[in-house]
Structure formats: C-alpha cells, structure tokens
Amino acid sequence: MSSIGSHKTAIYHDGDYQVVQFHYTNVVKFNDYEIILNTGGWKTVTTKRRMNQAAEQFGLDFRVYQKDFDWFVDFKNQTLKFDSGIILTRKE
C-alpha cells in the first residue's frame, strides 16, 4: 500500500469530510456519499500522485490519469474526463 506523501501535504477533517490538501488546494475531499477531486488549476504529476495515493490509502476506488494532455478518472467502471475538478457519487 502506498501512503500519501508528506511534502506540502496535510490530511484533516472538515465537518463530515476527510480532506487531503496539497499546498493550499484540497485535492481530495470525501465522505461516505461523495468524492470531490480538485486540481486547483495545478495539473501536475504530483497533484495526480496525491489524488491516487489518497484513493489507495482510503480505499476510494478511483484512479486519475492523463492522456494527450487531458485528465481522466476511472470510477465505478466508467471513465470520466475532467478539467479542474469533478464530484464522484459514492452512495445515493
């Protein structure tokens, strides 16, 4: 299991959400019902890495990747394109 890197990274609770913050951007924010991914405009290798590390560490079942300069997330047997952010529904 890969753990979330520590450089400029914080993990904390915000109300009902668990948050993974990289620099000053909440790159992953999640609870039992949704996952919010946010690049903050920083579409970097490290932003993507923090998102994927959070998914693995917290069992969030998504994977972020880049293809031809576009960003995608695989979630619930779907591939979704996203630019700076996306909300994934875990439970209805």
C-alpha atoms as a PDB file:
ATOM      1  CA  MET A   1       0.000   0.000   0.000  1.00  0.00           C
ATOM      2  CA  SER A   2       1.279   3.425  -0.928  1.00  0.00           C
ATOM      3  CA  SER A   3       0.838   6.131   1.669  1.00  0.00           C
ATOM      4  CA  ILE A   4       0.270   9.766   0.903  1.00  0.00           C
ATOM      5  CA  GLY A   5       3.449  11.785   0.506  1.00  0.00           C
ATOM      6  CA  SER A   6       4.231  14.326   3.184  1.00  0.00           C
ATOM      7  CA  HIS A   7       5.822  17.170   1.207  1.00  0.00           C
ATOM      8  CA  LYS A   8       3.432  20.159   1.387  1.00  0.00           C
ATOM      9  CA  THR A   9       0.594  17.719   2.171  1.00  0.00           C
ATOM     10  CA  ALA A  10      -1.896  17.709   5.037  1.00  0.00           C
ATOM     11  CA  ILE A  11      -4.720  15.330   5.926  1.00  0.00           C
ATOM     12  CA  TYR A  12      -7.501  16.581   8.170  1.00  0.00           C
ATOM     13  CA  HIS A  13     -11.236  16.527   8.888  1.00  0.00           C
ATOM     14  CA  ASP A  14     -13.535  19.329   7.782  1.00  0.00           C
ATOM     15  CA  GLY A  15     -17.009  18.672   9.131  1.00  0.00           C
ATOM     16  CA  ASP A  16     -18.192  15.381   7.624  1.00  0.00           C
ATOM     17  CA  TYR A  17     -15.317  15.307   5.130  1.00  0.00           C
ATOM     18  CA  GLN A  18     -11.830  13.880   5.210  1.00  0.00           C
ATOM     19  CA  VAL A  19      -9.520  16.191   3.247  1.00  0.00           C
ATOM     20  CA  VAL A  20      -6.175  15.702   1.538  1.00  0.00           C
ATOM     21  CA  GLN A  21      -4.585  19.090   0.923  1.00  0.00           C
ATOM     22  CA  PHE A  22      -1.567  19.594  -1.328  1.00  0.00           C
ATOM     23  CA  HIS A  23      -0.002  23.035  -0.967  1.00  0.00           C
ATOM     24  CA  TYR A  24      -3.159  25.148  -0.495  1.00  0.00           C
ATOM     25  CA  THR A  25      -5.545  23.050  -2.591  1.00  0.00           C
ATOM     26  CA  ASN A  26      -7.929  20.418  -1.259  1.00  0.00           C
ATOM     27  CA  VAL A  27      -7.101  17.884  -3.974  1.00  0.00           C
ATOM     28  CA  VAL A  28      -9.323  15.146  -2.488  1.00  0.00           C
ATOM     29  CA  LYS A  29     -12.274  15.724  -0.191  1.00  0.00           C
ATOM     30  CA  PHE A  30     -14.535  12.801   0.645  1.00  0.00           C
ATOM     31  CA  ASN A  31     -17.181  11.355   2.899  1.00  0.00           C
ATOM     32  CA  ASP A  32     -19.463   8.307   2.665  1.00  0.00           C
ATOM     33  CA  TYR A  33     -21.502   9.907  -0.121  1.00  0.00           C
ATOM     34  CA  GLU A  34     -19.124  11.714  -2.451  1.00  0.00           C
ATOM     35  CA  ILE A  35     -15.544  12.284  -3.515  1.00  0.00           C
ATOM     36  CA  ILE A  36     -14.503  15.723  -4.701  1.00  0.00           C
ATOM     37  CA  LEU A  37     -11.353  15.942  -6.807  1.00  0.00           C
ATOM     38  CA  ASN A  38      -9.854  19.377  -7.384  1.00  0.00           C
ATOM     39  CA  THR A  39      -6.634  20.274  -9.205  1.00  0.00           C
ATOM     40  CA  GLY A  40      -6.883  23.933  -8.244  1.00  0.00           C
ATOM     41  CA  GLY A  41      -5.606  24.577 -11.768  1.00  0.00           C
ATOM     42  CA  TRP A  42      -2.386  22.680 -10.979  1.00  0.00           C
ATOM     43  CA  LYS A  43      -2.490  19.719 -13.349  1.00  0.00           C
ATOM     44  CA  THR A  44       0.874  18.350 -12.259  1.00  0.00           C
ATOM     45  CA  VAL A  45       2.313  14.884 -11.818  1.00  0.00           C
ATOM     46  CA  THR A  46       2.391  15.435  -8.056  1.00  0.00           C
ATOM     47  CA  THR A  47      -1.255  16.567  -7.889  1.00  0.00           C
ATOM     48  CA  LYS A  48      -2.245  13.397  -9.724  1.00  0.00           C
ATOM     49  CA  ARG A  49       0.017  11.332  -7.449  1.00  0.00           C
ATOM     50  CA  ARG A  50      -1.578  12.783  -4.279  1.00  0.00           C
ATOM     51  CA  MET A  51      -5.051  12.002  -5.634  1.00  0.00           C
ATOM     52  CA  ASN A  52      -4.111   8.406  -6.434  1.00  0.00           C
ATOM     53  CA  GLN A  53      -2.279   7.944  -3.129  1.00  0.00           C
ATOM     54  CA  ALA A  54      -5.406   9.142  -1.283  1.00  0.00           C
ATOM     55  CA  ALA A  55      -7.555   6.730  -3.303  1.00  0.00           C
ATOM     56  CA  GLU A  56      -5.305   3.833  -2.371  1.00  0.00           C
ATOM     57  CA  GLN A  57      -4.808   4.754   1.287  1.00  0.00           C
ATOM     58  CA  PHE A  58      -8.503   5.367   1.986  1.00  0.00           C
ATOM     59  CA  GLY A  59      -9.971   2.711  -0.352  1.00  0.00           C
ATOM     60  CA  LEU A  60     -11.779   5.234  -2.541  1.00  0.00           C
ATOM     61  CA  ASP A  61     -11.749   3.067  -5.702  1.00  0.00           C
ATOM     62  CA  PHE A  62     -10.828   5.714  -8.250  1.00  0.00           C
ATOM     63  CA  ARG A  63      -7.765   6.249 -10.410  1.00  0.00           C
ATOM     64  CA  VAL A  64      -6.694   9.532 -12.031  1.00  0.00           C
ATOM     65  CA  TYR A  65      -4.546   9.558 -15.151  1.00  0.00           C
ATOM     66  CA  GLN A  66      -3.584  11.789 -18.047  1.00  0.00           C
ATOM     67  CA  LYS A  67      -3.753  11.023 -21.767  1.00  0.00           C
ATOM     68  CA  ASP A  68      -2.874  13.501 -24.513  1.00  0.00           C
ATOM     69  CA  PHE A  69      -2.877  16.414 -22.015  1.00  0.00           C
ATOM     70  CA  ASP A  70      -6.434  15.594 -20.806  1.00  0.00           C
ATOM     71  CA  TRP A  71      -7.205  14.286 -17.333  1.00  0.00           C
ATOM     72  CA  PHE A  72      -9.478  11.323 -16.675  1.00  0.00           C
ATOM     73  CA  VAL A  73     -10.728   9.397 -13.676  1.00  0.00           C
ATOM     74  CA  ASP A  74     -11.787   5.759 -13.674  1.00  0.00           C
ATOM     75  CA  PHE A  75     -14.593   5.235 -11.160  1.00  0.00           C
ATOM     76  CA  LYS A  76     -17.366   2.623 -10.921  1.00  0.00           C
ATOM     77  CA  ASN A  77     -16.492   1.062 -14.292  1.00  0.00           C
ATOM     78  CA  GLN A  78     -16.657   4.450 -16.022  1.00  0.00           C
ATOM     79  CA  THR A  79     -14.002   6.724 -17.445  1.00  0.00           C
ATOM     80  CA  LEU A  80     -14.825  10.381 -16.886  1.00  0.00           C
ATOM     81  CA  LYS A  81     -12.947  13.347 -18.318  1.00  0.00           C
ATOM     82  CA  PHE A  82     -12.374  16.300 -16.033  1.00  0.00           C
ATOM     83  CA  ASP A  83     -10.601  19.608 -16.203  1.00  0.00           C
ATOM     84  CA  SER A  84     -10.013  21.221 -12.824  1.00  0.00           C
ATOM     85  CA  GLY A  85     -12.440  19.239 -10.684  1.00  0.00           C
ATOM     86  CA  ILE A  86     -15.132  16.605 -10.500  1.00  0.00           C
ATOM     87  CA  ILE A  87     -17.601  15.215  -7.942  1.00  0.00           C
ATOM     88  CA  LEU A  88     -17.974  11.433  -7.803  1.00  0.00           C
ATOM     89  CA  THR A  89     -21.038   9.941  -6.113  1.00  0.00           C
ATOM     90  CA  ARG A  90     -20.236   7.034  -3.783  1.00  0.00           C
ATOM     91  CA  LYS A  91     -23.709   6.411  -2.344  1.00  0.00           C
ATOM     92  CA  GLU A  92     -27.067   7.817  -3.387  1.00  0.00           C
END
